[in-house]
Amino acid sequence: MQSLGTVLPDVSELQLLFAQLNNECFGGEIPAHRIAYNGRFANLAGRITYKPPLIELSPKHFERHPEALRETLLHEMIHAWLFARGADPGHTAAFKKKMRDVGLRSIYHDLGTAVPRRESTKRFILRCDRCTMELLRKRRPSAPVSCGRCSSRRYDARYPLRIYEIVEMRPADEPAVAAHRLPGRSR
């Protein structure tokens, strides 16, 4: 992956870095995790899942900030280390202590929002007023839909998803000219 003259490590190099950091910082206690790039990330630099064991990193962020890749991988590895020990893998006191032990200064680093590599084709936002969950969709749903988090049934009229159509794309720093909202299914 290449951009702005920065060549990121390939996946095999990331796996070697994981093994090296695991031995140096965690005594080899972290079980094997697959390390991969995820080009869809725009707001986060890294993410971990435990089943399957996977650490994903944002190539868009690290093309602009290659120096942050090692720190982000270490951050995700602390989550994996805590999980492997049966401890709470969140940003707890144990997480912060291990973070300091491995030389990280802050839980977060601000890499900004990465610009999408291609424009989104999503035109509709489905939003639950109760839990504020939002979904992006290319097409307007053909039938009424309800929130899957708030109700386990197929359709529950008590938890409808409001449908909003995206009618304008503009940079975040420009003021909105007009927003067009489509409540429910009306046009």
N, C-alpha and C. Protein backbone atom coordinates (compact mmCIF):
# COMPACT_ATOMS: atom_id res chain seq x y z
N MET A 1 0.85 -1.18 0.00
CA MET A 1 0.00 0.00 0.00
C MET A 1 0.89 1.22 0.00
N GLN A 2 0.63 2.11 -0.91
CA GLN A 2 1.51 3.26 -1.02
C GLN A 2 0.70 4.52 -1.24
N SER A 3 1.08 5.56 -0.52
CA SER A 3 0.44 6.85 -0.66
C SER A 3 1.33 7.90 -0.04
N LEU A 4 1.44 9.02 -0.67
CA LEU A 4 2.25 10.13 -0.16
C LEU A 4 3.68 9.69 0.13
N GLY A 5 4.21 8.72 -0.62
CA GLY A 5 5.57 8.27 -0.43
C GLY A 5 5.75 7.33 0.75
N THR A 6 4.70 6.96 1.46
CA THR A 6 4.80 6.08 2.61
C THR A 6 4.42 4.67 2.20
N VAL A 7 5.31 3.73 2.48
CA VAL A 7 5.02 2.32 2.22
C VAL A 7 4.76 1.66 3.57
N LEU A 8 3.57 1.14 3.73
CA LEU A 8 3.21 0.47 4.97
C LEU A 8 3.72 -0.96 4.95
N PRO A 9 3.99 -1.52 6.13
CA PRO A 9 4.39 -2.93 6.18
C PRO A 9 3.28 -3.81 5.60
N ASP A 10 3.68 -4.87 4.91
CA ASP A 10 2.64 -5.79 4.43
C ASP A 10 2.17 -6.65 5.60
N VAL A 11 1.17 -7.48 5.34
CA VAL A 11 0.53 -8.26 6.41
C VAL A 11 1.53 -9.21 7.07
N SER A 12 2.43 -9.80 6.30
CA SER A 12 3.42 -10.71 6.91
C SER A 12 4.36 -9.94 7.84
N GLU A 13 4.72 -8.72 7.47
CA GLU A 13 5.56 -7.89 8.35
C GLU A 13 4.79 -7.49 9.61
N LEU A 14 3.48 -7.25 9.49
CA LEU A 14 2.66 -6.95 10.67
C LEU A 14 2.62 -8.15 11.61
N GLN A 15 2.52 -9.36 11.04
CA GLN A 15 2.50 -10.57 11.87
C GLN A 15 3.82 -10.71 12.62
N LEU A 16 4.94 -10.41 11.95
CA LEU A 16 6.25 -10.47 12.61
C LEU A 16 6.35 -9.43 13.72
N LEU A 17 5.83 -8.22 13.46
CA LEU A 17 5.84 -7.17 14.48
C LEU A 17 5.01 -7.59 15.68
N PHE A 18 3.85 -8.20 15.43
CA PHE A 18 3.01 -8.72 16.51
C PHE A 18 3.79 -9.71 17.37
N ALA A 19 4.46 -10.68 16.72
CA ALA A 19 5.23 -11.69 17.44
C ALA A 19 6.36 -11.06 18.25
N GLN A 20 7.04 -10.09 17.66
CA GLN A 20 8.14 -9.41 18.35
C GLN A 20 7.62 -8.66 19.58
N LEU A 21 6.56 -7.87 19.41
CA LEU A 21 6.00 -7.11 20.53
C LEU A 21 5.42 -8.05 21.60
N ASN A 22 4.83 -9.17 21.17
CA ASN A 22 4.28 -10.14 22.10
C ASN A 22 5.39 -10.67 23.01
N ASN A 23 6.54 -11.00 22.43
CA ASN A 23 7.65 -11.51 23.22
C ASN A 23 8.28 -10.43 24.10
N GLU A 24 8.49 -9.23 23.54
CA GLU A 24 9.16 -8.16 24.27
C GLU A 24 8.31 -7.57 25.39
N CYS A 25 7.04 -7.36 25.14
CA CYS A 25 6.18 -6.61 26.07
C CYS A 25 5.22 -7.48 26.89
N PHE A 26 4.94 -8.69 26.40
CA PHE A 26 3.91 -9.50 27.05
C PHE A 26 4.40 -10.90 27.42
N GLY A 27 5.70 -11.14 27.26
CA GLY A 27 6.25 -12.46 27.59
C GLY A 27 5.65 -13.59 26.77
N GLY A 28 5.16 -13.28 25.58
CA GLY A 28 4.57 -14.29 24.70
C GLY A 28 3.22 -14.80 25.16
N GLU A 29 2.55 -14.08 26.06
CA GLU A 29 1.28 -14.55 26.64
C GLU A 29 0.07 -14.36 25.74
N ILE A 30 0.19 -13.55 24.70
CA ILE A 30 -0.98 -13.29 23.84
C ILE A 30 -1.09 -14.42 22.82
N PRO A 31 -2.25 -15.08 22.75
CA PRO A 31 -2.44 -16.10 21.71
C PRO A 31 -2.34 -15.47 20.32
N ALA A 32 -2.08 -16.30 19.33
CA ALA A 32 -1.94 -15.82 17.96
C ALA A 32 -3.20 -15.07 17.52
N HIS A 33 -3.00 -13.95 16.89
CA HIS A 33 -4.07 -13.15 16.29
C HIS A 33 -3.69 -12.90 14.84
N ARG A 34 -4.67 -12.91 13.98
CA ARG A 34 -4.43 -12.50 12.60
C ARG A 34 -4.41 -10.99 12.58
N ILE A 35 -3.43 -10.40 11.90
CA ILE A 35 -3.33 -8.96 11.78
C ILE A 35 -3.65 -8.61 10.33
N ALA A 36 -4.54 -7.63 10.13
CA ALA A 36 -4.96 -7.28 8.78
C ALA A 36 -5.23 -5.79 8.69
N TYR A 37 -5.20 -5.28 7.49
CA TYR A 37 -5.63 -3.91 7.23
C TYR A 37 -7.11 -3.93 6.89
N ASN A 38 -7.82 -2.88 7.29
CA ASN A 38 -9.23 -2.73 6.94
C ASN A 38 -9.41 -1.33 6.37
N GLY A 39 -9.53 -1.24 5.07
CA GLY A 39 -9.64 0.04 4.37
C GLY A 39 -10.95 0.77 4.59
N ARG A 40 -11.93 0.13 5.26
CA ARG A 40 -13.22 0.80 5.50
C ARG A 40 -13.16 1.73 6.70
N PHE A 41 -12.15 1.57 7.57
CA PHE A 41 -12.10 2.40 8.77
C PHE A 41 -11.90 3.86 8.39
N ALA A 42 -12.74 4.73 8.94
CA ALA A 42 -12.59 6.17 8.74
C ALA A 42 -12.39 6.88 10.07
N ASN A 43 -13.00 6.39 11.13
CA ASN A 43 -12.95 7.07 12.43
C ASN A 43 -12.11 6.34 13.46
N LEU A 44 -11.63 5.15 13.15
CA LEU A 44 -10.79 4.46 14.11
C LEU A 44 -9.55 3.93 13.43
N ALA A 45 -8.47 3.89 14.20
CA ALA A 45 -7.19 3.47 13.66
C ALA A 45 -6.99 1.97 13.80
N GLY A 46 -7.62 1.37 14.82
CA GLY A 46 -7.48 -0.06 15.03
C GLY A 46 -8.67 -0.63 15.76
N ARG A 47 -8.83 -1.95 15.64
CA ARG A 47 -9.94 -2.64 16.30
C ARG A 47 -9.52 -4.08 16.54
N ILE A 48 -10.01 -4.64 17.65
CA ILE A 48 -9.72 -6.04 17.96
C ILE A 48 -11.03 -6.81 18.09
N THR A 49 -11.02 -8.04 17.62
CA THR A 49 -12.10 -8.98 17.91
C THR A 49 -11.43 -10.22 18.51
N TYR A 50 -12.14 -10.86 19.42
CA TYR A 50 -11.55 -11.99 20.15
C TYR A 50 -11.93 -13.33 19.54
N LYS A 51 -13.09 -13.41 18.92
CA LYS A 51 -13.53 -14.63 18.26
C LYS A 51 -14.09 -14.26 16.91
N PRO A 52 -13.38 -14.43 15.83
CA PRO A 52 -12.03 -14.96 15.72
C PRO A 52 -11.00 -13.94 16.21
N PRO A 53 -9.82 -14.40 16.67
CA PRO A 53 -8.80 -13.46 17.13
C PRO A 53 -8.22 -12.67 15.95
N LEU A 54 -8.56 -11.39 15.92
CA LEU A 54 -8.20 -10.56 14.78
C LEU A 54 -7.94 -9.13 15.24
N ILE A 55 -6.85 -8.55 14.77
CA ILE A 55 -6.57 -7.12 14.98
C ILE A 55 -6.56 -6.48 13.60
N GLU A 56 -7.42 -5.47 13.42
CA GLU A 56 -7.50 -4.76 12.15
C GLU A 56 -6.96 -3.35 12.32
N LEU A 57 -6.22 -2.89 11.32
CA LEU A 57 -5.61 -1.57 11.35
C LEU A 57 -6.03 -0.79 10.11
N SER A 58 -6.13 0.53 10.26
CA SER A 58 -6.58 1.39 9.16
C SER A 58 -5.42 1.83 8.28
N PRO A 59 -5.34 1.35 7.05
CA PRO A 59 -4.25 1.81 6.18
C PRO A 59 -4.36 3.30 5.85
N LYS A 60 -5.59 3.82 5.80
CA LYS A 60 -5.77 5.24 5.47
C LYS A 60 -5.14 6.14 6.53
N HIS A 61 -5.26 5.76 7.80
CA HIS A 61 -4.67 6.57 8.87
C HIS A 61 -3.14 6.46 8.87
N PHE A 62 -2.63 5.25 8.66
CA PHE A 62 -1.20 5.05 8.79
C PHE A 62 -0.42 5.47 7.56
N GLU A 63 -1.09 5.66 6.43
CA GLU A 63 -0.41 6.25 5.28
C GLU A 63 -0.03 7.70 5.60
N ARG A 64 -0.87 8.37 6.40
CA ARG A 64 -0.59 9.76 6.80
C ARG A 64 0.23 9.83 8.08
N HIS A 65 0.13 8.82 8.94
CA HIS A 65 0.81 8.82 10.24
C HIS A 65 1.47 7.46 10.48
N PRO A 66 2.49 7.09 9.70
CA PRO A 66 3.09 5.76 9.85
C PRO A 66 3.71 5.54 11.23
N GLU A 67 4.11 6.61 11.88
CA GLU A 67 4.73 6.50 13.20
C GLU A 67 3.74 5.99 14.26
N ALA A 68 2.44 6.08 14.01
CA ALA A 68 1.43 5.66 14.98
C ALA A 68 1.05 4.19 14.85
N LEU A 69 1.53 3.50 13.85
CA LEU A 69 1.13 2.11 13.63
C LEU A 69 1.57 1.22 14.78
N ARG A 70 2.82 1.31 15.21
CA ARG A 70 3.32 0.47 16.31
C ARG A 70 2.53 0.71 17.58
N GLU A 71 2.27 1.99 17.91
CA GLU A 71 1.51 2.32 19.12
C GLU A 71 0.09 1.76 19.06
N THR A 72 -0.54 1.85 17.90
CA THR A 72 -1.90 1.35 17.75
C THR A 72 -1.93 -0.17 17.89
N LEU A 73 -0.96 -0.85 17.28
CA LEU A 73 -0.89 -2.30 17.41
C LEU A 73 -0.68 -2.68 18.87
N LEU A 74 0.22 -1.98 19.57
CA LEU A 74 0.44 -2.25 21.00
C LEU A 74 -0.84 -2.03 21.80
N HIS A 75 -1.57 -0.97 21.50
CA HIS A 75 -2.84 -0.68 22.18
C HIS A 75 -3.79 -1.86 22.05
N GLU A 76 -3.96 -2.35 20.82
CA GLU A 76 -4.87 -3.47 20.58
C GLU A 76 -4.36 -4.75 21.25
N MET A 77 -3.03 -4.90 21.31
CA MET A 77 -2.44 -6.07 21.93
C MET A 77 -2.67 -6.07 23.45
N ILE A 78 -2.74 -4.90 24.06
CA ILE A 78 -3.05 -4.84 25.50
C ILE A 78 -4.46 -5.38 25.74
N HIS A 79 -5.40 -5.02 24.87
CA HIS A 79 -6.75 -5.59 24.97
C HIS A 79 -6.68 -7.12 24.89
N ALA A 80 -5.92 -7.64 23.91
CA ALA A 80 -5.80 -9.08 23.72
C ALA A 80 -5.15 -9.75 24.93
N TRP A 81 -4.13 -9.11 25.50
CA TRP A 81 -3.43 -9.66 26.66
C TRP A 81 -4.37 -9.76 27.87
N LEU A 82 -5.13 -8.70 28.12
CA LEU A 82 -6.08 -8.72 29.24
C LEU A 82 -7.14 -9.80 29.02
N PHE A 83 -7.66 -9.90 27.79
CA PHE A 83 -8.68 -10.91 27.48
C PHE A 83 -8.12 -12.32 27.70
N ALA A 84 -6.88 -12.56 27.27
CA ALA A 84 -6.26 -13.87 27.43
C ALA A 84 -6.07 -14.24 28.90
N ARG A 85 -5.92 -13.26 29.76
CA ARG A 85 -5.76 -13.49 31.20
C ARG A 85 -7.10 -13.59 31.92
N GLY A 86 -8.20 -13.43 31.20
CA GLY A 86 -9.52 -13.50 31.81
C GLY A 86 -9.93 -12.21 32.51
N ALA A 87 -9.21 -11.14 32.25
CA ALA A 87 -9.51 -9.84 32.86
C ALA A 87 -10.40 -9.03 31.91
N ASP A 88 -10.99 -7.97 32.44
CA ASP A 88 -11.79 -7.06 31.63
C ASP A 88 -10.86 -6.40 30.60
N PRO A 89 -11.13 -6.58 29.30
CA PRO A 89 -10.23 -6.03 28.29
C PRO A 89 -10.49 -4.57 27.94
N GLY A 90 -11.36 -3.91 28.68
CA GLY A 90 -11.66 -2.51 28.41
C GLY A 90 -10.54 -1.59 28.88
N HIS A 91 -10.79 -0.29 28.79
CA HIS A 91 -9.81 0.72 29.20
C HIS A 91 -9.85 0.91 30.72
N THR A 92 -9.54 -0.15 31.44
CA THR A 92 -9.59 -0.17 32.90
C THR A 92 -8.26 0.30 33.48
N ALA A 93 -8.17 0.30 34.81
CA ALA A 93 -6.91 0.66 35.48
C ALA A 93 -5.80 -0.31 35.08
N ALA A 94 -6.14 -1.61 34.94
CA ALA A 94 -5.14 -2.61 34.52
C ALA A 94 -4.64 -2.31 33.11
N PHE A 95 -5.55 -1.88 32.23
CA PHE A 95 -5.17 -1.52 30.88
C PHE A 95 -4.19 -0.34 30.92
N LYS A 96 -4.53 0.69 31.70
CA LYS A 96 -3.70 1.89 31.77
C LYS A 96 -2.33 1.60 32.38
N LYS A 97 -2.29 0.69 33.35
CA LYS A 97 -1.00 0.33 33.95
C LYS A 97 -0.13 -0.37 32.92
N LYS A 98 -0.70 -1.34 32.20
CA LYS A 98 0.08 -2.06 31.18
C LYS A 98 0.50 -1.10 30.08
N MET A 99 -0.37 -0.17 29.75
CA MET A 99 -0.05 0.83 28.73
C MET A 99 1.22 1.59 29.13
N ARG A 100 1.27 2.05 30.39
CA ARG A 100 2.47 2.76 30.86
C ARG A 100 3.69 1.83 30.86
N ASP A 101 3.48 0.57 31.24
CA ASP A 101 4.59 -0.41 31.28
C ASP A 101 5.23 -0.62 29.91
N VAL A 102 4.41 -0.56 28.84
CA VAL A 102 4.95 -0.78 27.49
C VAL A 102 5.36 0.52 26.80
N GLY A 103 5.23 1.64 27.53
CA GLY A 103 5.73 2.91 27.01
C GLY A 103 4.73 3.76 26.24
N LEU A 104 3.45 3.46 26.35
CA LEU A 104 2.44 4.30 25.69
C LEU A 104 2.03 5.42 26.64
N ARG A 105 1.90 6.62 26.12
CA ARG A 105 1.58 7.78 26.94
C ARG A 105 0.08 8.01 27.11
N SER A 106 -0.69 7.66 26.10
CA SER A 106 -2.12 7.97 26.13
C SER A 106 -2.92 6.82 25.57
N ILE A 107 -4.12 6.66 26.09
CA ILE A 107 -5.01 5.61 25.55
C ILE A 107 -5.36 5.93 24.10
N TYR A 108 -5.54 7.18 23.80
CA TYR A 108 -5.98 7.59 22.46
C TYR A 108 -4.91 8.45 21.81
N HIS A 109 -4.87 8.42 20.49
CA HIS A 109 -4.11 9.41 19.76
C HIS A 109 -4.99 9.90 18.64
N ASP A 110 -4.92 11.19 18.40
CA ASP A 110 -5.81 11.80 17.42
C ASP A 110 -5.16 11.76 16.05
N LEU A 111 -5.64 10.86 15.23
CA LEU A 111 -5.17 10.77 13.85
C LEU A 111 -6.15 11.42 12.89
N GLY A 112 -7.22 12.00 13.43
CA GLY A 112 -8.23 12.63 12.59
C GLY A 112 -9.09 11.59 11.91
N THR A 113 -9.94 12.07 11.04
CA THR A 113 -10.80 11.19 10.25
C THR A 113 -10.15 11.01 8.90
N ALA A 114 -10.04 9.78 8.47
CA ALA A 114 -9.44 9.50 7.16
C ALA A 114 -10.45 9.78 6.06
N VAL A 115 -9.99 10.37 5.00
CA VAL A 115 -10.85 10.65 3.86
C VAL A 115 -11.16 9.35 3.15
N PRO A 116 -12.43 9.10 2.82
CA PRO A 116 -12.76 7.86 2.11
C PRO A 116 -12.01 7.77 0.79
N ARG A 117 -11.63 6.56 0.43
CA ARG A 117 -10.93 6.37 -0.85
C ARG A 117 -11.89 6.50 -2.03
N ARG A 118 -13.16 6.28 -1.77
CA ARG A 118 -14.16 6.51 -2.81
C ARG A 118 -15.44 7.00 -2.13
N GLU A 119 -16.21 7.75 -2.84
CA GLU A 119 -17.44 8.32 -2.30
C GLU A 119 -18.41 7.22 -1.92
N SER A 120 -19.10 7.41 -0.82
CA SER A 120 -20.07 6.43 -0.37
C SER A 120 -21.29 6.41 -1.29
N THR A 121 -21.82 5.22 -1.49
CA THR A 121 -23.05 5.08 -2.29
C THR A 121 -24.27 5.01 -1.39
N LYS A 122 -24.07 5.14 -0.09
CA LYS A 122 -25.18 5.07 0.86
C LYS A 122 -25.98 6.37 0.79
N ARG A 123 -27.30 6.24 0.66
CA ARG A 123 -28.15 7.42 0.52
C ARG A 123 -29.15 7.58 1.64
N PHE A 124 -29.34 6.55 2.48
CA PHE A 124 -30.36 6.60 3.51
C PHE A 124 -29.76 6.26 4.87
N ILE A 125 -30.22 6.98 5.89
CA ILE A 125 -29.85 6.70 7.27
C ILE A 125 -31.11 6.21 7.97
N LEU A 126 -31.04 5.06 8.61
CA LEU A 126 -32.15 4.53 9.41
C LEU A 126 -31.74 4.71 10.87
N ARG A 127 -32.57 5.41 11.65
CA ARG A 127 -32.19 5.78 13.02
C ARG A 127 -33.28 5.39 14.01
N CYS A 128 -32.87 4.79 15.12
CA CYS A 128 -33.78 4.46 16.21
C CYS A 128 -33.76 5.61 17.20
N ASP A 129 -34.93 6.19 17.48
CA ASP A 129 -35.01 7.30 18.43
C ASP A 129 -34.76 6.85 19.86
N ARG A 130 -34.99 5.58 20.15
CA ARG A 130 -34.84 5.08 21.51
C ARG A 130 -33.37 4.87 21.88
N CYS A 131 -32.63 4.11 21.07
CA CYS A 131 -31.24 3.79 21.42
C CYS A 131 -30.22 4.57 20.58
N THR A 132 -30.67 5.36 19.64
CA THR A 132 -29.87 6.22 18.75
C THR A 132 -28.97 5.44 17.79
N MET A 133 -29.20 4.14 17.63
CA MET A 133 -28.44 3.37 16.65
C MET A 133 -28.77 3.90 15.25
N GLU A 134 -27.75 3.97 14.40
CA GLU A 134 -27.96 4.40 13.02
C GLU A 134 -27.38 3.38 12.06
N LEU A 135 -28.07 3.16 10.96
CA LEU A 135 -27.64 2.26 9.91
C LEU A 135 -27.61 3.05 8.61
N LEU A 136 -26.64 2.76 7.76
CA LEU A 136 -26.58 3.38 6.44
C LEU A 136 -27.03 2.36 5.41
N ARG A 137 -27.83 2.78 4.46
CA ARG A 137 -28.34 1.89 3.43
C ARG A 137 -28.30 2.59 2.07
N LYS A 138 -28.10 1.77 1.03
CA LYS A 138 -28.12 2.30 -0.33
C LYS A 138 -29.54 2.60 -0.77
N ARG A 139 -30.49 1.74 -0.36
CA ARG A 139 -31.87 1.88 -0.81
C ARG A 139 -32.80 2.11 0.36
N ARG A 140 -33.91 2.77 0.07
CA ARG A 140 -34.97 2.95 1.05
C ARG A 140 -35.61 1.59 1.30
N PRO A 141 -35.83 1.22 2.55
CA PRO A 141 -36.48 -0.06 2.83
C PRO A 141 -37.86 -0.13 2.16
N SER A 142 -38.20 -1.30 1.65
CA SER A 142 -39.48 -1.45 0.95
C SER A 142 -40.66 -1.63 1.91
N ALA A 143 -40.36 -1.94 3.16
CA ALA A 143 -41.41 -2.12 4.17
C ALA A 143 -40.95 -1.42 5.45
N PRO A 144 -41.89 -1.15 6.35
CA PRO A 144 -41.48 -0.53 7.62
C PRO A 144 -40.49 -1.44 8.36
N VAL A 145 -39.52 -0.81 9.02
CA VAL A 145 -38.50 -1.57 9.76
C VAL A 145 -38.43 -1.06 11.19
N SER A 146 -38.03 -1.96 12.09
CA SER A 146 -37.88 -1.58 13.49
C SER A 146 -36.46 -1.91 13.95
N CYS A 147 -36.11 -1.39 15.11
CA CYS A 147 -34.77 -1.53 15.66
C CYS A 147 -34.52 -2.95 16.15
N GLY A 148 -33.46 -3.55 15.68
CA GLY A 148 -33.10 -4.90 16.11
C GLY A 148 -32.50 -4.94 17.50
N ARG A 149 -31.95 -3.82 17.97
CA ARG A 149 -31.41 -3.77 19.33
C ARG A 149 -32.51 -3.66 20.37
N CYS A 150 -33.54 -2.89 20.05
CA CYS A 150 -34.61 -2.63 21.03
C CYS A 150 -35.66 -3.73 21.05
N SER A 151 -35.75 -4.52 20.01
CA SER A 151 -36.75 -5.57 19.94
C SER A 151 -36.16 -6.77 19.22
N SER A 152 -36.44 -7.95 19.71
CA SER A 152 -35.91 -9.16 19.07
C SER A 152 -36.87 -9.73 18.03
N ARG A 153 -38.07 -9.18 17.98
CA ARG A 153 -39.04 -9.70 17.01
C ARG A 153 -38.74 -9.14 15.62
N ARG A 154 -39.38 -9.73 14.62
CA ARG A 154 -39.15 -9.32 13.23
C ARG A 154 -39.49 -7.85 13.02
N TYR A 155 -40.69 -7.45 13.39
CA TYR A 155 -41.07 -6.05 13.27
C TYR A 155 -41.85 -5.68 14.51
N ASP A 156 -41.46 -4.61 15.14
CA ASP A 156 -42.13 -4.14 16.35
C ASP A 156 -42.41 -2.65 16.16
N ALA A 157 -43.68 -2.31 16.00
CA ALA A 157 -44.09 -0.92 15.74
C ALA A 157 -43.71 0.03 16.86
N ARG A 158 -43.41 -0.50 18.04
CA ARG A 158 -42.99 0.38 19.15
C ARG A 158 -41.60 0.96 18.94
N TYR A 159 -40.79 0.32 18.10
CA TYR A 159 -39.40 0.74 17.90
C TYR A 159 -39.10 0.97 16.42
N PRO A 160 -39.83 1.88 15.79
CA PRO A 160 -39.60 2.09 14.35
C PRO A 160 -38.27 2.79 14.09
N LEU A 161 -37.70 2.50 12.95
CA LEU A 161 -36.52 3.23 12.51
C LEU A 161 -36.97 4.37 11.61
N ARG A 162 -36.56 5.58 11.95
CA ARG A 162 -36.86 6.73 11.09
C ARG A 162 -35.91 6.71 9.91
N ILE A 163 -36.41 7.13 8.78
CA ILE A 163 -35.62 7.10 7.55
C ILE A 163 -35.30 8.53 7.15
N TYR A 164 -34.00 8.79 6.97
CA TYR A 164 -33.52 10.09 6.52
C TYR A 164 -32.78 9.87 5.21
N GLU A 165 -33.02 10.77 4.27
CA GLU A 165 -32.32 10.66 2.99
C GLU A 165 -31.18 11.66 2.98
N ILE A 166 -30.02 11.20 2.55
CA ILE A 166 -28.86 12.08 2.42
C ILE A 166 -28.99 12.77 1.07
N VAL A 167 -29.14 14.07 1.10
CA VAL A 167 -29.37 14.80 -0.14
C VAL A 167 -28.21 15.71 -0.52
N GLU A 168 -27.23 15.86 0.38
CA GLU A 168 -26.13 16.76 0.08
C GLU A 168 -24.87 16.22 0.73
N MET A 169 -23.79 16.21 -0.03
CA MET A 169 -22.49 15.85 0.52
C MET A 169 -21.66 17.13 0.52
N ARG A 170 -21.10 17.46 1.68
CA ARG A 170 -20.28 18.64 1.79
C ARG A 170 -19.19 18.39 2.82
N PRO A 171 -18.08 19.13 2.74
CA PRO A 171 -17.05 18.99 3.77
C PRO A 171 -17.61 19.38 5.14
N ALA A 172 -17.12 18.74 6.19
CA ALA A 172 -17.64 18.96 7.54
C ALA A 172 -17.44 20.38 8.03
N ASP A 173 -16.45 21.09 7.50
CA ASP A 173 -16.21 22.44 7.99
C ASP A 173 -17.04 23.51 7.29
N GLU A 174 -17.81 23.13 6.26
CA GLU A 174 -18.69 24.08 5.60
C GLU A 174 -20.07 24.07 6.26
N PRO A 175 -20.72 25.23 6.39
CA PRO A 175 -22.07 25.23 6.99
C PRO A 175 -23.08 24.57 6.04
N ALA A 176 -24.08 23.96 6.66
CA ALA A 176 -25.13 23.31 5.86
C ALA A 176 -26.01 24.37 5.23
N VAL A 177 -26.34 24.17 3.96
CA VAL A 177 -27.24 25.09 3.28
C VAL A 177 -28.67 24.74 3.63
N ALA A 178 -29.03 23.50 3.43
CA ALA A 178 -30.38 23.04 3.78
C ALA A 178 -30.32 21.54 3.97
N ALA A 179 -30.97 21.07 4.99
CA ALA A 179 -31.05 19.63 5.22
C ALA A 179 -32.47 19.19 4.95
N HIS A 180 -32.61 18.12 4.22
CA HIS A 180 -33.92 17.60 3.87
C HIS A 180 -34.14 16.33 4.66
N ARG A 181 -35.15 16.30 5.48
CA ARG A 181 -35.42 15.16 6.33
C ARG A 181 -36.69 14.45 5.88
N LEU A 182 -36.60 13.16 5.84
CA LEU A 182 -37.75 12.36 5.47
C LEU A 182 -38.16 11.50 6.65
N PRO A 183 -39.09 11.95 7.49
CA PRO A 183 -39.51 11.12 8.59
C PRO A 183 -40.34 9.94 8.08
N GLY A 184 -40.16 8.82 8.71
CA GLY A 184 -40.94 7.64 8.33
C GLY A 184 -40.75 7.28 6.89
N ARG A 185 -41.85 7.03 6.18
CA ARG A 185 -41.78 6.60 4.79
C ARG A 185 -42.30 7.67 3.83
N SER A 186 -42.64 8.85 4.33
CA SER A 186 -43.18 9.87 3.43
C SER A 186 -42.09 10.49 2.58
N ARG A 187 -42.44 11.03 1.44
CA ARG A 187 -41.47 11.67 0.53
C ARG A 187 -41.70 13.15 0.49
